[in-house]
Amino acid sequence: MRIPSSTHLLFVLSGFAAVALTVHAAPDGQAPNTLTAEERAAGWRLLFDGQTISEWRVFNQPTASDGWQVVDGTLARVARGRDLITKEQFADFEFAFDWKLGAPGANSGIMFRVIEGLPQTYHSGPEMQLLDNAGHPDGRLPETSAGSNFALHAPTRDATRPVGEWNTTRLVVRGPHVEHWMNGEKVVEYELWTPEWTVTVEASKFKQWPQYGLAGSGHIAIQDHGNPVAFRNLKVRVLK
């Protein structure tokens, strides 16, 4: 479902201040939700064209949700919509996207190699945390702050921009190797399935979900954490 275009969108959520989200072209002048010839040659393809949500659906459901809508060329969480997942599954890949929080204290995340049939996306997929560190309690702990591998690996530093500004982010997954990039900086790097990984998971809340972090392929998920957030320039390339 698409909301008519306007220059600004004001997200309002009970308990949060409202922040205007404004859509701009990328700093280099490239229009949002497009690929350059060089990107296409490198194997990138769009997972969002700025007009439809056709590449996504709700976790454990066959369709998308009205809680996620196209707003001024962004994929925006505007009401309760549950977690979105890609229709396609990915094993080794690079996922790039821009994200912007719509209220102080807002929270979202990106999960990968998510398996369906479980109650929640995070019962199988590790999460790259997207957060307002200054306004959310999770921002006080490095291992749950923005850019972290949620509750397991802390970022080297807070490289996020303030609420209402766009962040450019990459998630790289190749076999057991995972990297989180935030605004041009690699902030997290870890290895799945190693003895260290097993010990770290066993010491966390994720130990109660036996399929957590074990899948070799799965869906990419966008978390609906109950807060306004917008995405654009969602693109992926498969890594050989």
Protein backbone atom coordinates (compact mmCIF):
# COMPACT_ATOMS: atom_id res chain seq x y z
CA MET A 1 0.00 0.00 0.00
CA ARG A 2 1.34 3.42 -0.91
CA ILE A 3 0.87 6.76 0.83
CA PRO A 4 0.59 9.82 -1.48
CA SER A 5 3.87 11.66 -1.93
CA SER A 6 4.80 14.73 0.05
CA THR A 7 8.03 16.51 0.88
CA HIS A 8 7.94 15.53 4.56
CA LEU A 9 6.34 12.74 6.52
CA LEU A 10 5.68 13.25 10.23
CA PHE A 11 5.75 10.00 12.16
CA VAL A 12 3.86 10.11 15.45
CA LEU A 13 3.94 7.30 17.97
CA SER A 14 2.44 7.32 21.43
CA GLY A 15 5.13 7.91 24.01
CA PHE A 16 7.63 9.36 21.52
CA ALA A 17 8.24 12.81 20.16
CA ALA A 18 7.56 13.23 16.46
CA VAL A 19 10.39 13.72 13.98
CA ALA A 20 9.95 14.82 10.37
CA LEU A 21 11.54 12.51 7.83
CA THR A 22 12.64 14.19 4.62
CA VAL A 23 13.65 12.30 1.50
CA HIS A 24 16.76 13.55 -0.28
CA ALA A 25 18.92 12.24 -3.06
CA ALA A 26 22.14 10.50 -2.11
CA PRO A 27 25.11 12.81 -1.39
CA ASP A 28 26.74 11.98 -4.73
CA GLY A 29 23.60 13.02 -6.60
CA GLN A 30 22.45 9.47 -7.38
CA ALA A 31 18.68 9.15 -7.09
CA PRO A 32 17.52 6.95 -4.19
CA ASN A 33 16.54 3.36 -4.96
CA THR A 34 18.54 3.16 -8.18
CA LEU A 35 21.67 1.33 -9.27
CA THR A 36 24.61 2.66 -11.22
CA ALA A 37 26.02 0.75 -14.18
CA GLU A 38 29.01 -0.13 -12.01
CA GLU A 39 26.78 -1.56 -9.28
CA ARG A 40 24.87 -3.68 -11.76
CA ALA A 41 28.12 -4.97 -13.20
CA ALA A 42 29.24 -5.88 -9.68
CA GLY A 43 26.12 -7.99 -9.17
CA TRP A 44 23.96 -5.66 -7.10
CA ARG A 45 20.18 -5.70 -7.43
CA LEU A 46 17.47 -3.71 -5.70
CA LEU A 47 15.27 -5.16 -2.99
CA PHE A 48 13.14 -2.00 -3.00
CA ASP A 49 12.39 0.21 -5.99
CA GLY A 50 10.80 3.10 -4.08
CA GLN A 51 7.33 2.23 -5.36
CA THR A 52 6.31 -1.24 -4.18
CA ILE A 53 7.12 -3.75 -1.42
CA SER A 54 7.02 -6.64 -3.86
CA GLU A 55 10.33 -8.15 -2.67
CA TRP A 56 9.13 -8.42 0.94
CA ARG A 57 6.44 -10.13 3.01
CA VAL A 58 5.60 -10.63 6.66
CA PHE A 59 7.47 -13.35 8.56
CA ASN A 60 5.46 -16.59 8.52
CA GLN A 61 2.85 -14.93 6.28
CA PRO A 62 2.36 -14.97 2.48
CA THR A 63 1.90 -11.19 2.07
CA ALA A 64 3.15 -7.85 3.38
CA SER A 65 1.33 -5.69 5.95
CA ASP A 66 -0.34 -2.28 5.91
CA GLY A 67 1.93 -1.36 8.80
CA TRP A 68 4.77 -1.15 6.25
CA GLN A 69 4.09 1.31 3.44
CA VAL A 70 5.86 3.15 0.65
CA VAL A 71 6.20 6.76 1.77
CA ASP A 72 7.99 9.27 -0.46
CA GLY A 73 10.27 6.60 -1.89
CA THR A 74 11.03 4.95 1.45
CA LEU A 75 9.94 1.68 2.99
CA ALA A 76 8.45 2.98 6.22
CA ARG A 77 7.05 1.41 9.36
CA VAL A 78 3.94 3.54 10.00
CA ALA A 79 1.87 1.21 12.21
CA ARG A 80 2.06 -2.26 13.72
CA GLY A 81 3.20 -4.40 10.83
CA ARG A 82 5.29 -7.27 12.26
CA ASP A 83 8.73 -8.19 10.95
CA LEU A 84 9.29 -8.16 7.19
CA ILE A 85 11.42 -10.74 5.41
CA THR A 86 12.76 -11.01 1.88
CA LYS A 87 10.82 -13.43 -0.29
CA GLU A 88 14.16 -14.82 -1.42
CA GLN A 89 16.66 -16.61 0.78
CA PHE A 90 20.37 -15.83 0.83
CA ALA A 91 23.46 -17.73 1.98
CA ASP A 92 26.58 -15.63 1.24
CA PHE A 93 25.72 -12.04 0.42
CA GLU A 94 26.29 -8.33 0.93
CA PHE A 95 23.24 -6.30 1.94
CA ALA A 96 23.39 -2.48 1.77
CA PHE A 97 20.72 -0.05 2.94
CA ASP A 98 20.02 3.41 4.34
CA TRP A 99 17.93 3.76 7.48
CA LYS A 100 16.53 6.64 9.50
CA LEU A 101 14.73 6.56 12.84
CA GLY A 102 11.49 8.54 13.11
CA ALA A 103 11.43 9.28 16.84
CA PRO A 104 13.80 9.64 19.80
CA GLY A 105 14.39 6.29 21.44
CA ALA A 106 13.35 4.33 18.34
CA ASN A 107 14.55 0.77 17.84
CA SER A 108 14.73 -1.62 14.87
CA GLY A 109 17.14 -4.18 13.47
CA ILE A 110 18.21 -6.38 10.58
CA MET A 111 18.29 -10.16 10.98
CA PHE A 112 19.87 -12.56 8.49
CA ARG A 113 19.62 -16.28 7.60
CA VAL A 114 16.19 -16.26 9.22
CA ILE A 115 14.23 -19.53 9.21
CA GLU A 116 10.44 -19.55 9.11
CA GLY A 117 8.19 -21.81 11.18
CA LEU A 118 9.59 -20.43 14.44
CA PRO A 119 7.71 -17.88 16.60
CA GLN A 120 10.11 -14.96 15.97
CA THR A 121 12.76 -13.94 13.43
CA TYR A 122 15.37 -13.59 16.18
CA HIS A 123 14.92 -17.21 17.23
CA SER A 124 17.13 -18.11 14.26
CA GLY A 125 18.66 -14.95 12.75
CA PRO A 126 21.43 -12.89 14.38
CA GLU A 127 20.54 -9.20 14.53
CA MET A 128 22.36 -6.04 13.51
CA GLN A 129 20.95 -3.48 15.95
CA LEU A 130 19.49 -0.20 14.63
CA LEU A 131 18.90 2.19 17.51
CA ASP A 132 18.87 5.70 18.92
CA ASN A 133 21.68 5.20 21.41
CA ALA A 134 21.03 8.48 23.20
CA GLY A 135 17.33 7.87 23.73
CA HIS A 136 16.99 4.11 24.28
CA PRO A 137 18.18 2.09 27.32
CA ASP A 138 19.88 -0.45 25.03
CA GLY A 139 22.21 2.33 23.91
CA ARG A 140 23.83 2.39 27.35
CA LEU A 141 25.40 -1.04 26.87
CA PRO A 142 27.89 -1.50 24.00
CA GLU A 143 26.73 -5.04 23.19
CA THR A 144 23.13 -3.87 22.63
CA SER A 145 23.90 -0.47 21.09
CA ALA A 146 23.46 0.57 17.46
CA GLY A 147 25.59 -1.45 15.07
CA SER A 148 26.10 -4.34 17.48
CA ASN A 149 25.47 -7.99 16.84
CA PHE A 150 22.66 -7.67 19.32
CA ALA A 151 23.55 -8.82 22.85
CA LEU A 152 26.65 -10.67 21.63
CA HIS A 153 29.25 -8.42 19.96
CA ALA A 154 29.70 -4.71 20.65
CA PRO A 155 30.66 -2.21 17.93
CA THR A 156 34.09 -0.65 18.07
CA ARG A 157 32.40 2.74 18.43
CA ASP A 158 29.10 4.55 17.86
CA ALA A 159 29.26 5.55 14.18
CA THR A 160 25.54 6.36 13.85
CA ARG A 161 24.03 9.74 13.01
CA PRO A 162 21.35 11.53 15.08
CA VAL A 163 17.66 10.66 14.90
CA GLY A 164 16.13 12.07 11.70
CA GLU A 165 19.34 11.70 9.65
CA TRP A 166 20.11 8.91 7.20
CA ASN A 167 22.64 6.21 8.06
CA THR A 168 24.30 4.14 5.33
CA THR A 169 24.91 0.56 6.41
CA ARG A 170 26.25 -2.72 5.03
CA LEU A 171 25.96 -6.27 6.28
CA VAL A 172 28.45 -8.75 4.81
CA VAL A 173 27.90 -12.48 5.34
CA ARG A 174 30.24 -15.05 3.79
CA GLY A 175 30.16 -18.55 5.24
CA PRO A 176 30.79 -18.10 8.97
CA HIS A 177 32.26 -14.60 8.56
CA VAL A 178 30.08 -11.58 9.33
CA GLU A 179 30.83 -7.84 9.13
CA HIS A 180 28.74 -4.81 10.15
CA TRP A 181 29.56 -1.51 8.44
CA MET A 182 28.08 1.79 9.62
CA ASN A 183 28.52 5.02 7.65
CA GLY A 184 31.71 3.78 6.00
CA GLU A 185 33.27 2.18 9.09
CA LYS A 186 33.54 -1.50 9.95
CA VAL A 187 32.22 -1.59 13.52
CA VAL A 188 31.67 -5.34 14.13
CA GLU A 189 33.35 -8.50 12.83
CA TYR A 190 32.79 -12.03 14.07
CA GLU A 191 32.77 -15.71 13.10
CA LEU A 192 29.77 -17.99 13.39
CA TRP A 193 29.98 -21.63 14.53
CA THR A 194 33.36 -21.38 16.23
CA PRO A 195 33.99 -22.52 19.83
CA GLU A 196 34.04 -18.84 20.82
CA TRP A 197 30.66 -18.32 19.11
CA THR A 198 29.16 -21.28 20.96
CA VAL A 199 30.40 -20.06 24.33
CA THR A 200 29.11 -16.53 23.65
CA VAL A 201 25.65 -17.75 22.63
CA GLU A 202 25.43 -20.14 25.59
CA ALA A 203 26.07 -17.20 27.93
CA SER A 204 23.25 -15.16 26.37
CA LYS A 205 19.46 -15.25 26.16
CA PHE A 206 19.76 -16.90 22.74
CA LYS A 207 20.73 -20.25 24.27
CA GLN A 208 17.01 -20.99 24.75
CA TRP A 209 16.49 -21.14 20.95
CA PRO A 210 18.41 -24.13 19.58
CA GLN A 211 18.29 -22.98 15.93
CA TYR A 212 19.73 -19.53 16.65
CA GLY A 213 22.59 -18.59 14.32
CA LEU A 214 23.00 -22.05 12.82
CA ALA A 215 21.40 -21.73 9.38
CA GLY A 216 23.65 -21.60 6.34
CA SER A 217 21.04 -19.65 4.38
CA GLY A 218 17.74 -17.91 5.04
CA HIS A 219 15.76 -14.71 4.75
CA ILE A 220 16.88 -11.17 5.50
CA ALA A 221 14.47 -9.60 8.00
CA ILE A 222 13.56 -6.05 9.01
CA GLN A 223 12.38 -5.83 12.61
CA ASP A 224 9.16 -4.11 13.63
CA HIS A 225 10.00 -3.08 17.18
CA GLY A 226 6.97 -0.82 17.50
CA ASN A 227 8.76 2.38 16.48
CA PRO A 228 8.82 4.54 13.33
CA VAL A 229 11.73 3.82 11.01
CA ALA A 230 12.29 4.29 7.27
CA PHE A 231 14.56 2.51 4.79
CA ARG A 232 15.76 3.22 1.26
CA ASN A 233 18.44 2.00 -1.16
CA LEU A 234 17.92 -1.60 -0.05
CA LYS A 235 20.11 -3.69 -2.33
CA VAL A 236 21.84 -7.05 -2.25
CA ARG A 237 24.46 -8.99 -4.14
CA VAL A 238 25.25 -12.66 -3.84
CA LEU A 239 28.85 -13.44 -2.95
CA LYS A 240 30.49 -16.33 -4.76
